[in-house]
Amino acid sequence: MDLPLLKLVLQIALAVFGLLTIMLVLLHKGRGGGLSDMFGGGVSSSASASGVAERNLNRITVGAAVTWGLCAVGLGILEKFL
């Protein structure tokens, strides 16, 4: 793969996974005591997510964040050494 093309692909992936991570973090229910209370996250809701759905959301969020980090490291390596 050509280096400018690889750099472009990593930049696009970095932006996409960054936005995806932000959206996924915002989907998590607030645990209280933090900024979520300020914006109404401390109000208990009867439509809260089940344990399985919350675990799956956690896994997807961690996967997106790790992928974002790997894209950032890959871009850093490309900039530094190539």
N, C-alpha and C. Protein backbone atom coordinates (compact mmCIF):
# COMPACT_ATOMS: atom_id res chain seq x y z
N MET A 1 0.86 -1.19 0.00
CA MET A 1 0.00 0.00 0.00
C MET A 1 0.90 1.24 0.00
N ASP A 2 0.52 2.21 -0.78
CA ASP A 2 1.26 3.45 -0.87
C ASP A 2 1.17 4.22 0.44
N LEU A 3 2.26 4.86 0.86
CA LEU A 3 2.30 5.53 2.16
C LEU A 3 1.33 6.69 2.30
N PRO A 4 1.19 7.56 1.30
CA PRO A 4 0.17 8.63 1.45
C PRO A 4 -1.25 8.08 1.56
N LEU A 5 -1.53 6.98 0.86
CA LEU A 5 -2.85 6.37 0.94
C LEU A 5 -3.06 5.75 2.33
N LEU A 6 -2.03 5.10 2.86
CA LEU A 6 -2.11 4.52 4.21
C LEU A 6 -2.33 5.61 5.25
N LYS A 7 -1.63 6.72 5.08
CA LYS A 7 -1.79 7.85 6.00
C LYS A 7 -3.22 8.39 5.94
N LEU A 8 -3.77 8.52 4.74
CA LEU A 8 -5.13 9.01 4.58
C LEU A 8 -6.14 8.05 5.21
N VAL A 9 -5.94 6.76 5.00
CA VAL A 9 -6.84 5.77 5.58
C VAL A 9 -6.79 5.83 7.10
N LEU A 10 -5.60 5.95 7.68
CA LEU A 10 -5.47 6.04 9.13
C LEU A 10 -6.08 7.33 9.68
N GLN A 11 -5.95 8.43 8.95
CA GLN A 11 -6.56 9.69 9.39
C GLN A 11 -8.09 9.59 9.39
N ILE A 12 -8.64 9.00 8.36
CA ILE A 12 -10.09 8.83 8.29
C ILE A 12 -10.57 7.89 9.39
N ALA A 13 -9.85 6.78 9.59
CA ALA A 13 -10.21 5.84 10.64
C ALA A 13 -10.11 6.50 12.02
N LEU A 14 -9.13 7.33 12.22
CA LEU A 14 -8.96 8.04 13.50
C LEU A 14 -10.17 8.94 13.77
N ALA A 15 -10.60 9.66 12.75
CA ALA A 15 -11.76 10.54 12.92
C ALA A 15 -13.03 9.74 13.17
N VAL A 16 -13.23 8.67 12.41
CA VAL A 16 -14.44 7.87 12.56
C VAL A 16 -14.49 7.20 13.93
N PHE A 17 -13.39 6.58 14.35
CA PHE A 17 -13.39 5.90 15.64
C PHE A 17 -13.41 6.89 16.80
N GLY A 18 -12.88 8.09 16.60
CA GLY A 18 -12.99 9.11 17.64
C GLY A 18 -14.44 9.53 17.86
N LEU A 19 -15.15 9.80 16.79
CA LEU A 19 -16.57 10.16 16.90
C LEU A 19 -17.40 9.00 17.43
N LEU A 20 -17.09 7.78 16.99
CA LEU A 20 -17.81 6.61 17.48
C LEU A 20 -17.59 6.41 18.97
N THR A 21 -16.37 6.61 19.44
CA THR A 21 -16.08 6.47 20.87
C THR A 21 -16.84 7.51 21.68
N ILE A 22 -16.88 8.75 21.20
CA ILE A 22 -17.62 9.80 21.90
C ILE A 22 -19.09 9.44 21.99
N MET A 23 -19.67 8.99 20.89
CA MET A 23 -21.08 8.63 20.89
C MET A 23 -21.36 7.46 21.82
N LEU A 24 -20.49 6.47 21.82
CA LEU A 24 -20.69 5.31 22.68
C LEU A 24 -20.56 5.65 24.16
N VAL A 25 -19.61 6.53 24.50
CA VAL A 25 -19.47 6.95 25.89
C VAL A 25 -20.71 7.70 26.35
N LEU A 26 -21.27 8.51 25.47
CA LEU A 26 -22.47 9.26 25.83
C LEU A 26 -23.69 8.35 25.98
N LEU A 27 -23.66 7.16 25.40
CA LEU A 27 -24.77 6.23 25.55
C LEU A 27 -24.80 5.55 26.92
N HIS A 28 -23.67 5.54 27.61
CA HIS A 28 -23.62 4.89 28.92
C HIS A 28 -24.50 5.63 29.91
N LYS A 29 -25.11 4.86 30.81
CA LYS A 29 -25.94 5.51 31.82
C LYS A 29 -25.03 6.10 32.90
N GLY A 30 -25.46 7.24 33.43
CA GLY A 30 -24.68 7.91 34.45
C GLY A 30 -24.71 7.14 35.76
N ARG A 31 -23.60 7.11 36.45
CA ARG A 31 -23.53 6.41 37.73
C ARG A 31 -23.75 7.37 38.89
N GLY A 32 -23.87 8.65 38.60
CA GLY A 32 -24.12 9.63 39.65
C GLY A 32 -22.83 10.14 40.26
N GLY A 33 -22.91 11.33 40.84
CA GLY A 33 -21.77 11.89 41.53
C GLY A 33 -20.81 12.66 40.65
N GLY A 34 -21.03 12.70 39.37
CA GLY A 34 -20.10 13.39 38.49
C GLY A 34 -20.82 14.42 37.64
N LEU A 35 -20.29 14.64 36.46
CA LEU A 35 -20.90 15.61 35.55
C LEU A 35 -22.27 15.15 35.07
N SER A 36 -22.53 13.84 35.14
CA SER A 36 -23.83 13.36 34.67
C SER A 36 -24.96 13.91 35.53
N ASP A 37 -24.71 14.16 36.81
CA ASP A 37 -25.74 14.75 37.67
C ASP A 37 -26.08 16.17 37.24
N MET A 38 -25.08 16.89 36.76
CA MET A 38 -25.30 18.27 36.36
C MET A 38 -26.25 18.35 35.17
N PHE A 39 -26.19 17.36 34.29
CA PHE A 39 -27.00 17.39 33.09
C PHE A 39 -28.22 16.48 33.17
N GLY A 40 -28.61 16.09 34.37
CA GLY A 40 -29.81 15.30 34.53
C GLY A 40 -29.59 13.81 34.47
N GLY A 41 -28.34 13.37 34.48
CA GLY A 41 -28.06 11.94 34.43
C GLY A 41 -28.32 11.24 35.74
N GLY A 42 -28.46 11.98 36.83
CA GLY A 42 -28.69 11.37 38.12
C GLY A 42 -30.12 10.94 38.34
N VAL A 43 -31.02 11.33 37.45
CA VAL A 43 -32.43 10.97 37.58
C VAL A 43 -32.57 9.51 37.20
N SER A 44 -33.16 8.72 38.09
CA SER A 44 -33.30 7.29 37.79
C SER A 44 -34.42 7.11 36.77
N SER A 45 -34.21 6.15 35.89
CA SER A 45 -35.16 5.90 34.82
C SER A 45 -35.60 4.45 34.88
N SER A 46 -36.85 4.20 34.58
CA SER A 46 -37.34 2.83 34.57
C SER A 46 -36.92 2.10 33.30
N ALA A 47 -36.45 2.82 32.30
CA ALA A 47 -36.05 2.23 31.03
C ALA A 47 -34.54 2.06 30.98
N SER A 48 -33.92 1.64 32.08
CA SER A 48 -32.48 1.48 32.09
C SER A 48 -32.09 0.20 31.35
N ALA A 49 -30.85 0.15 30.93
CA ALA A 49 -30.37 -0.98 30.14
C ALA A 49 -30.17 -2.20 31.03
N SER A 50 -30.35 -3.36 30.45
CA SER A 50 -30.13 -4.60 31.19
C SER A 50 -28.64 -4.83 31.35
N GLY A 51 -28.30 -5.82 32.15
CA GLY A 51 -26.90 -6.14 32.39
C GLY A 51 -26.17 -6.56 31.14
N VAL A 52 -26.82 -7.37 30.29
CA VAL A 52 -26.19 -7.85 29.07
C VAL A 52 -25.96 -6.70 28.09
N ALA A 53 -26.94 -5.84 27.96
CA ALA A 53 -26.80 -4.71 27.05
C ALA A 53 -25.70 -3.77 27.51
N GLU A 54 -25.60 -3.55 28.81
CA GLU A 54 -24.56 -2.67 29.35
C GLU A 54 -23.17 -3.28 29.13
N ARG A 55 -23.05 -4.58 29.33
CA ARG A 55 -21.76 -5.24 29.11
C ARG A 55 -21.35 -5.18 27.64
N ASN A 56 -22.32 -5.40 26.74
CA ASN A 56 -22.02 -5.31 25.31
C ASN A 56 -21.62 -3.89 24.93
N LEU A 57 -22.31 -2.90 25.48
CA LEU A 57 -21.95 -1.51 25.21
C LEU A 57 -20.54 -1.21 25.72
N ASN A 58 -20.21 -1.76 26.89
CA ASN A 58 -18.85 -1.58 27.42
C ASN A 58 -17.81 -2.18 26.48
N ARG A 59 -18.07 -3.38 26.00
CA ARG A 59 -17.11 -4.05 25.11
C ARG A 59 -16.94 -3.28 23.80
N ILE A 60 -18.04 -2.83 23.23
CA ILE A 60 -17.96 -2.08 21.97
C ILE A 60 -17.22 -0.77 22.18
N THR A 61 -17.49 -0.10 23.31
CA THR A 61 -16.82 1.17 23.60
C THR A 61 -15.32 0.97 23.77
N VAL A 62 -14.93 -0.05 24.51
CA VAL A 62 -13.50 -0.33 24.69
C VAL A 62 -12.85 -0.69 23.37
N GLY A 63 -13.53 -1.47 22.55
CA GLY A 63 -12.99 -1.83 21.24
C GLY A 63 -12.78 -0.62 20.34
N ALA A 64 -13.76 0.29 20.34
CA ALA A 64 -13.63 1.51 19.53
C ALA A 64 -12.50 2.39 20.05
N ALA A 65 -12.37 2.49 21.38
CA ALA A 65 -11.32 3.32 21.96
C ALA A 65 -9.94 2.74 21.70
N VAL A 66 -9.81 1.42 21.79
CA VAL A 66 -8.52 0.78 21.51
C VAL A 66 -8.16 0.93 20.04
N THR A 67 -9.13 0.78 19.16
CA THR A 67 -8.88 0.96 17.73
C THR A 67 -8.47 2.40 17.43
N TRP A 68 -9.12 3.36 18.09
CA TRP A 68 -8.73 4.77 17.94
C TRP A 68 -7.28 4.97 18.38
N GLY A 69 -6.93 4.38 19.50
CA GLY A 69 -5.56 4.51 20.00
C GLY A 69 -4.54 3.89 19.06
N LEU A 70 -4.88 2.73 18.50
CA LEU A 70 -3.96 2.09 17.55
C LEU A 70 -3.80 2.93 16.28
N CYS A 71 -4.88 3.56 15.84
CA CYS A 71 -4.78 4.45 14.67
C CYS A 71 -3.87 5.65 14.98
N ALA A 72 -4.01 6.18 16.19
CA ALA A 72 -3.17 7.32 16.58
C ALA A 72 -1.70 6.92 16.64
N VAL A 73 -1.43 5.75 17.21
CA VAL A 73 -0.05 5.26 17.28
C VAL A 73 0.50 5.00 15.87
N GLY A 74 -0.32 4.40 15.02
CA GLY A 74 0.10 4.14 13.64
C GLY A 74 0.43 5.42 12.90
N LEU A 75 -0.39 6.43 13.07
CA LEU A 75 -0.09 7.73 12.43
C LEU A 75 1.17 8.34 12.99
N GLY A 76 1.38 8.20 14.27
CA GLY A 76 2.60 8.72 14.89
C GLY A 76 3.84 8.03 14.35
N ILE A 77 3.76 6.73 14.18
CA ILE A 77 4.90 5.98 13.63
C ILE A 77 5.16 6.37 12.18
N LEU A 78 4.09 6.54 11.42
CA LEU A 78 4.27 6.98 10.03
C LEU A 78 4.92 8.35 9.95
N GLU A 79 4.50 9.26 10.81
CA GLU A 79 5.06 10.62 10.79
C GLU A 79 6.52 10.63 11.26
N LYS A 80 6.82 9.79 12.23
CA LYS A 80 8.16 9.82 12.84
C LYS A 80 9.21 9.15 11.96
N PHE A 81 8.89 8.00 11.42
CA PHE A 81 9.93 7.19 10.77
C PHE A 81 9.84 7.16 9.25
N LEU A 82 8.71 7.52 8.68
CA LEU A 82 8.61 7.38 7.22
C LEU A 82 8.41 8.70 6.53
